[in-house]
Amino acid sequence: MTAGRKFFLVGALGAIAAGALSAQPMRGRRGLPPPDWPGNANESSGSGHYVWIEQGGMVDEDTVRTARETASHSSGTPEWTNPPGFEKDVFTFARVIFPTARAPGDRWNYGGRLGWWVDYPDADLNFSYRLQTLTSTRVDPDARVLKLTDPSLTDYPLIYMEHIESMRLPDQQVDILRRYLLNGGALLINDIWNIHAWQNLEAEMKRVLPERGWVELAPEHPMFHCVFDLRGTMKDWQVPTLQFWNRDYDPRDPNSTLQWRDRGPGSEDMHVRAWLDDKGRPSVLVIYNSDVSDGWEREGENSDYFHRFSEKISYPLGINLVFYLMTH
């Protein structure tokens, strides 16, 4: 990757109206959950580093390369192909595998038992499919999963992290991420809740680029209007986790809450925050206090949730963010 972003979205993003979305028929389900989920019960063996994911799946972090290798744990994922000869002329959703450290006293974040694998692989593949069908962009049908130490990291101009509440980057990975960002790469971070998670993210990222500081992005920022014209306020764009969604939520009632589960102190309001490079372009983007990826992952599980959150917020917002990061 050179000083500029290595990849430019293919063609003009001729998005169709979000209202034209329909719940995609899916196929394939994963079996029973492990006995103690959510536990992120990491296990080391001679053949790799295994981690339990949602609904009973297990992934070897040392050998997995694509989201397609992991069976759906939701309602299945779509399949598609691109024209022969253009397999590499695509955008690839690239999720980062990162190490965590348990925090048993943190009751808001499951004691540090969640990690990079939350919403995987369904969110990755569903979003990739929607990006391809709602725009003129060709998208890798398998997505990518990789560690920061992977030699192919610089093949991906945008990388994605999720649930970083307990992320602990070794010094080597801190150095790699610093070089990646300084050379024009972009990082999108999503689905983190409450001040404890934010403080951990801030501490880890200060190790990466200590001179950078966070900028709050307002709803008027062109990022939120570049493909889909999102209307309203950040409060209107907040996406609840499906399992915690309060269906009786009334935005006119100050005592009504979007989620029935308390996500911890400082989790009430959604924010989008950015690190800007020396030219004022976003190089790190954080969606704070919103589960945008649940709108991707669980689009086939509940029709009301799909039409209210996946269709109107999660996909339009996600597409806008990817487009803006890749073109600025």
Protein backbone atom coordinates (compact mmCIF):
# COMPACT_ATOMS: atom_id res chain seq x y z
CA MET A 1 0.00 0.00 0.00
CA THR A 2 1.36 3.39 -0.96
CA ALA A 3 0.71 6.74 0.70
CA GLY A 4 -2.79 6.75 -0.81
CA ARG A 5 -5.46 4.09 -0.55
CA LYS A 6 -4.48 1.21 -2.80
CA PHE A 7 -8.03 0.42 -3.83
CA PHE A 8 -10.79 2.56 -5.32
CA LEU A 9 -14.35 1.32 -5.38
CA VAL A 10 -15.06 -0.05 -8.84
CA GLY A 11 -17.32 2.21 -10.83
CA ALA A 12 -19.81 4.76 -9.59
CA LEU A 13 -21.77 3.58 -6.59
CA GLY A 14 -25.18 3.69 -8.23
CA ALA A 15 -27.15 2.75 -5.13
CA ILE A 16 -30.83 1.94 -5.37
CA ALA A 17 -33.26 3.04 -2.69
CA ALA A 18 -32.96 1.26 0.62
CA GLY A 19 -36.68 0.56 0.49
CA ALA A 20 -36.07 -1.89 -2.36
CA LEU A 21 -34.27 -4.28 -0.03
CA SER A 22 -35.95 -7.54 0.82
CA ALA A 23 -34.89 -10.19 3.27
CA GLN A 24 -32.52 -12.52 1.41
CA PRO A 25 -33.44 -16.21 1.45
CA MET A 26 -30.66 -17.94 3.35
CA ARG A 27 -29.61 -21.51 3.89
CA GLY A 28 -27.50 -23.44 6.33
CA ARG A 29 -27.40 -23.39 10.13
CA ARG A 30 -24.84 -24.23 12.76
CA GLY A 31 -25.61 -26.71 15.53
CA LEU A 32 -25.97 -26.39 19.28
CA PRO A 33 -24.06 -23.80 21.33
CA PRO A 34 -21.24 -24.85 23.64
CA PRO A 35 -22.33 -25.38 27.25
CA ASP A 36 -20.84 -22.15 28.62
CA TRP A 37 -21.37 -19.67 25.75
CA PRO A 38 -20.75 -16.72 25.74
CA GLY A 39 -17.36 -17.74 26.98
CA ASN A 40 -14.90 -17.39 24.12
CA ALA A 41 -13.40 -20.57 25.52
CA ASN A 42 -10.02 -20.39 23.86
CA GLU A 43 -8.25 -23.71 23.69
CA SER A 44 -4.67 -24.30 22.66
CA SER A 45 -3.58 -27.54 21.06
CA GLY A 46 -0.79 -28.79 18.92
CA SER A 47 -2.69 -27.91 15.76
CA GLY A 48 -3.74 -24.35 16.50
CA HIS A 49 -5.58 -21.84 18.64
CA TYR A 50 -9.29 -22.60 18.74
CA VAL A 51 -12.07 -20.24 19.75
CA TRP A 52 -15.77 -20.89 20.25
CA ILE A 53 -18.00 -18.59 18.24
CA GLU A 54 -21.73 -18.04 18.54
CA GLN A 55 -24.12 -21.00 18.48
CA GLY A 56 -21.50 -23.68 18.85
CA GLY A 57 -19.08 -23.08 16.01
CA MET A 58 -15.36 -23.45 16.52
CA VAL A 59 -12.65 -21.67 14.54
CA ASP A 60 -8.92 -22.29 14.40
CA GLU A 61 -7.47 -18.79 14.45
CA ASP A 62 -4.18 -20.02 13.04
CA THR A 63 -5.60 -21.57 9.87
CA VAL A 64 -8.89 -19.82 8.98
CA ARG A 65 -8.61 -17.56 5.96
CA THR A 66 -12.15 -16.73 4.81
CA ALA A 67 -15.56 -16.24 6.38
CA ARG A 68 -16.93 -18.76 3.89
CA GLU A 69 -15.05 -21.56 5.68
CA THR A 70 -17.22 -21.08 8.79
CA ALA A 71 -20.84 -22.26 8.70
CA SER A 72 -23.62 -19.77 9.40
CA HIS A 73 -24.88 -19.57 12.95
CA SER A 74 -27.87 -17.41 12.02
CA SER A 75 -30.23 -18.01 9.09
CA GLY A 76 -27.63 -18.80 6.45
CA THR A 77 -25.63 -16.66 4.05
CA PRO A 78 -25.98 -15.92 0.32
CA GLU A 79 -23.64 -17.25 -2.34
CA TRP A 80 -22.53 -15.56 -5.54
CA THR A 81 -19.71 -15.53 -8.06
CA ASN A 82 -17.92 -12.89 -10.09
CA PRO A 83 -16.96 -13.10 -13.76
CA PRO A 84 -13.93 -15.32 -14.42
CA GLY A 85 -10.73 -13.33 -14.67
CA PHE A 86 -11.95 -10.59 -12.31
CA GLU A 87 -11.65 -12.51 -9.06
CA LYS A 88 -9.09 -10.06 -7.65
CA ASP A 89 -10.67 -6.91 -9.08
CA VAL A 90 -13.03 -6.69 -6.12
CA PHE A 91 -13.56 -5.15 -2.71
CA THR A 92 -12.90 -7.63 0.10
CA PHE A 93 -14.39 -7.36 3.57
CA ALA A 94 -11.40 -8.16 5.81
CA ARG A 95 -11.99 -8.90 9.51
CA VAL A 96 -9.03 -8.80 11.90
CA ILE A 97 -8.36 -11.57 14.41
CA PHE A 98 -6.89 -9.96 17.52
CA PRO A 99 -5.81 -11.32 20.93
CA THR A 100 -7.76 -10.55 24.11
CA ALA A 101 -7.12 -10.66 27.83
CA ARG A 102 -9.84 -11.79 30.23
CA ALA A 103 -11.27 -9.16 32.57
CA PRO A 104 -13.33 -11.14 35.11
CA GLY A 105 -14.49 -8.03 36.98
CA ASP A 106 -16.04 -6.38 33.93
CA ARG A 107 -19.66 -7.44 34.22
CA TRP A 108 -20.78 -5.10 31.45
CA ASN A 109 -18.66 -6.84 28.81
CA TYR A 110 -19.13 -10.47 29.80
CA GLY A 111 -15.91 -10.49 31.78
CA GLY A 112 -13.85 -9.98 28.65
CA ARG A 113 -15.10 -13.18 27.04
CA LEU A 114 -16.23 -11.62 23.78
CA GLY A 115 -13.80 -11.03 20.95
CA TRP A 116 -13.16 -10.60 17.24
CA TRP A 117 -15.57 -13.38 16.25
CA VAL A 118 -18.85 -11.72 17.33
CA ASP A 119 -21.36 -11.60 14.41
CA TYR A 120 -18.92 -13.65 12.30
CA PRO A 121 -19.29 -15.05 9.63
CA ASP A 122 -22.86 -13.98 8.82
CA ALA A 123 -22.30 -10.22 9.13
CA ASP A 124 -19.26 -10.34 6.85
CA LEU A 125 -20.93 -12.32 4.08
CA ASN A 126 -24.34 -10.64 4.25
CA PHE A 127 -22.79 -7.16 4.12
CA SER A 128 -20.53 -8.20 1.25
CA TYR A 129 -23.55 -9.46 -0.68
CA ARG A 130 -25.58 -6.30 -0.06
CA LEU A 131 -22.65 -4.09 -1.07
CA GLN A 132 -22.49 -5.96 -4.37
CA THR A 133 -26.24 -5.95 -5.04
CA LEU A 134 -26.96 -2.35 -3.98
CA THR A 135 -23.99 -0.75 -5.76
CA SER A 136 -21.94 -1.33 -8.89
CA THR A 137 -19.04 -2.61 -6.78
CA ARG A 138 -17.83 -6.17 -7.28
CA VAL A 139 -17.24 -7.83 -3.92
CA ASP A 140 -15.33 -10.93 -2.86
CA PRO A 141 -17.94 -13.64 -2.13
CA ASP A 142 -15.81 -15.27 0.57
CA ALA A 143 -14.63 -12.24 2.59
CA ARG A 144 -11.34 -12.51 4.50
CA VAL A 145 -10.23 -13.22 8.07
CA LEU A 146 -6.65 -12.44 9.03
CA LYS A 147 -4.27 -11.45 11.78
CA LEU A 148 -2.32 -8.22 11.66
CA THR A 149 0.82 -10.32 11.23
CA ASP A 150 -0.48 -11.84 7.98
CA PRO A 151 1.87 -10.88 5.10
CA SER A 152 -1.16 -10.14 2.90
CA LEU A 153 -2.49 -7.42 5.22
CA THR A 154 -1.53 -4.63 2.84
CA ASP A 155 -3.64 -6.23 0.09
CA TYR A 156 -6.68 -4.94 1.98
CA PRO A 157 -7.05 -1.16 2.17
CA LEU A 158 -9.87 -1.41 4.72
CA ILE A 159 -9.85 -3.72 7.74
CA TYR A 160 -12.58 -4.33 10.29
CA MET A 161 -12.56 -4.96 14.05
CA GLU A 162 -15.44 -5.73 16.40
CA HIS A 163 -15.88 -6.06 20.17
CA ILE A 164 -12.49 -4.73 21.20
CA GLU A 165 -13.43 -4.43 24.91
CA SER A 166 -10.59 -6.74 25.92
CA MET A 167 -8.24 -6.38 22.95
CA ARG A 168 -4.56 -6.52 23.89
CA LEU A 169 -2.24 -6.00 20.94
CA PRO A 170 1.32 -7.32 21.30
CA ASP A 171 4.01 -4.74 20.53
CA GLN A 172 4.70 -6.35 17.15
CA GLN A 173 1.06 -5.92 16.10
CA VAL A 174 1.01 -2.34 17.38
CA ASP A 175 3.94 -1.57 15.08
CA ILE A 176 2.28 -3.32 12.14
CA LEU A 177 -1.01 -1.45 12.60
CA ARG A 178 0.88 1.86 12.87
CA ARG A 179 2.64 1.25 9.55
CA TYR A 180 -0.60 0.10 7.94
CA LEU A 181 -2.43 3.28 8.90
CA LEU A 182 0.46 5.61 8.06
CA ASN A 183 0.72 4.00 4.62
CA GLY A 184 -2.90 4.81 3.78
CA GLY A 185 -4.85 1.88 5.22
CA ALA A 186 -8.18 2.44 6.97
CA LEU A 187 -9.65 0.74 10.04
CA LEU A 188 -13.37 0.45 10.83
CA ILE A 189 -14.31 -0.53 14.42
CA ASN A 190 -17.89 -1.41 15.36
CA ASP A 191 -20.15 -2.79 18.09
CA ILE A 192 -18.47 -1.50 21.22
CA TRP A 193 -20.57 -0.37 24.16
CA ASN A 194 -20.00 1.72 27.31
CA ILE A 195 -17.17 3.79 28.69
CA HIS A 196 -15.11 0.79 29.82
CA ALA A 197 -14.89 -0.54 26.27
CA TRP A 198 -14.10 2.94 24.97
CA GLN A 199 -11.30 3.44 27.47
CA ASN A 200 -9.71 0.14 26.43
CA LEU A 201 -9.93 1.09 22.76
CA GLU A 202 -8.48 4.51 23.43
CA ALA A 203 -5.57 3.06 25.41
CA GLU A 204 -4.75 0.47 22.75
CA MET A 205 -4.98 2.96 19.88
CA LYS A 206 -2.81 5.48 21.73
CA ARG A 207 -0.10 2.84 21.62
CA VAL A 208 -0.51 2.75 17.83
CA LEU A 209 -0.43 6.49 17.10
CA PRO A 210 -0.09 8.47 20.35
CA GLU A 211 -0.20 11.82 18.56
CA ARG A 212 -3.69 11.23 17.15
CA GLY A 213 -6.94 12.31 18.84
CA TRP A 214 -10.62 11.52 18.28
CA VAL A 215 -12.95 13.77 16.32
CA GLU A 216 -16.72 13.52 16.79
CA LEU A 217 -18.59 13.31 13.48
CA ALA A 218 -21.96 15.07 13.32
CA PRO A 219 -24.92 13.76 11.28
CA GLU A 220 -24.28 16.55 8.77
CA HIS A 221 -20.90 15.09 7.80
CA PRO A 222 -20.84 14.15 4.08
CA MET A 223 -19.90 10.60 5.06
CA PHE A 224 -23.51 9.99 6.06
CA HIS A 225 -24.93 11.28 2.79
CA CYS A 226 -22.46 10.14 0.11
CA VAL A 227 -24.45 7.16 -1.23
CA PHE A 228 -27.56 6.91 0.91
CA ASP A 229 -28.86 10.18 2.32
CA LEU A 230 -29.38 9.32 5.97
CA ARG A 231 -31.83 11.60 7.75
CA GLY A 232 -32.28 12.41 11.41
CA THR A 233 -29.88 12.28 14.33
CA MET A 234 -27.44 9.74 15.74
CA LYS A 235 -30.20 8.68 18.11
CA ASP A 236 -32.31 7.74 15.10
CA TRP A 237 -29.45 5.64 13.69
CA GLN A 238 -28.72 3.56 16.80
CA VAL A 239 -29.12 -0.18 16.17
CA PRO A 240 -29.91 -2.47 19.10
CA THR A 241 -28.62 -6.01 19.43
CA LEU A 242 -31.52 -8.19 18.30
CA GLN A 243 -31.64 -10.23 21.51
CA PHE A 244 -31.81 -7.05 23.62
CA TRP A 245 -34.21 -5.06 21.43
CA ASN A 246 -37.06 -3.47 23.35
CA ARG A 247 -39.92 -3.63 20.87
CA ASP A 248 -42.01 -1.26 22.99
CA TYR A 249 -39.40 1.49 22.74
CA ASP A 250 -40.91 4.94 22.33
CA PRO A 251 -38.38 7.60 21.23
CA ARG A 252 -40.74 10.32 22.48
CA ASP A 253 -40.58 8.95 26.03
CA PRO A 254 -37.32 9.94 27.80
CA ASN A 255 -37.74 6.97 30.15
CA SER A 256 -38.07 4.45 27.33
CA THR A 257 -34.93 2.53 26.29
CA LEU A 258 -34.07 0.98 22.95
CA GLN A 259 -32.66 -2.13 24.62
CA TRP A 260 -33.98 -3.94 27.67
CA ARG A 261 -30.46 -4.91 28.75
CA ASP A 262 -28.26 -2.25 30.35
CA ARG A 263 -25.09 -2.10 28.23
CA GLY A 264 -23.13 -0.24 30.92
CA PRO A 265 -22.32 3.36 31.86
CA GLY A 266 -22.03 5.70 28.90
CA SER A 267 -23.85 3.35 26.51
CA GLU A 268 -27.00 5.39 26.00
CA ASP A 269 -25.99 7.53 23.02
CA MET A 270 -24.55 6.51 19.66
CA HIS A 271 -21.40 8.21 18.37
CA VAL A 272 -19.26 7.97 15.26
CA ARG A 273 -15.70 9.07 15.98
CA ALA A 274 -12.67 9.29 13.72
CA TRP A 275 -8.93 9.64 13.67
CA LEU A 276 -7.92 11.99 10.88
CA ASP A 277 -4.64 11.80 9.03
CA ASP A 278 -2.41 14.81 8.32
CA LYS A 279 -4.64 15.79 5.39
CA GLY A 280 -7.84 15.59 7.41
CA ARG A 281 -8.99 12.27 5.97
CA PRO A 282 -10.41 9.57 8.28
CA SER A 283 -8.02 6.68 8.81
CA VAL A 284 -9.79 5.10 11.81
CA LEU A 285 -13.55 5.15 12.22
CA VAL A 286 -15.44 3.90 15.29
CA ILE A 287 -19.17 3.23 15.60
CA TYR A 288 -19.71 3.50 19.34
CA ASN A 289 -22.86 2.28 21.14
CA SER A 290 -24.59 0.79 18.12
CA ASP A 291 -24.74 -2.80 16.87
CA VAL A 292 -24.74 -2.01 13.16
CA SER A 293 -23.32 -5.45 12.36
CA ASP A 294 -26.28 -7.21 14.01
CA GLY A 295 -28.39 -5.66 11.30
CA TRP A 296 -26.15 -7.46 8.80
CA GLU A 297 -25.76 -10.71 10.71
CA ARG A 298 -29.38 -11.30 11.72
CA GLU A 299 -31.25 -9.87 8.76
CA GLY A 300 -33.06 -13.17 8.13
CA GLU A 301 -34.12 -13.88 11.73
CA ASN A 302 -36.83 -11.29 12.33
CA SER A 303 -38.83 -9.42 9.70
CA ASP A 304 -39.60 -6.42 11.93
CA TYR A 305 -35.94 -6.06 12.90
CA PHE A 306 -34.90 -6.35 9.26
CA HIS A 307 -37.24 -3.63 8.02
CA ARG A 308 -36.63 -1.28 10.92
CA PHE A 309 -32.87 -1.61 11.37
CA SER A 310 -31.15 -3.69 8.65
CA GLU A 311 -32.94 -2.03 5.75
CA LYS A 312 -33.08 1.55 6.99
CA ILE A 313 -29.85 1.89 9.01
CA SER A 314 -27.31 -0.94 9.04
CA TYR A 315 -26.87 -1.44 5.31
CA PRO A 316 -27.14 2.21 4.19
CA LEU A 317 -24.78 3.35 6.96
CA GLY A 318 -22.30 0.53 6.33
CA ILE A 319 -22.21 1.19 2.59
CA ASN A 320 -21.73 4.92 3.17
CA LEU A 321 -18.82 4.34 5.55
CA VAL A 322 -17.03 1.90 3.23
CA PHE A 323 -17.50 4.18 0.23
CA TYR A 324 -16.24 7.26 2.08
CA LEU A 325 -13.23 5.51 3.63
CA MET A 326 -12.21 4.06 0.26
CA THR A 327 -12.54 7.33 -1.63
CA HIS A 328 -11.15 9.84 0.86
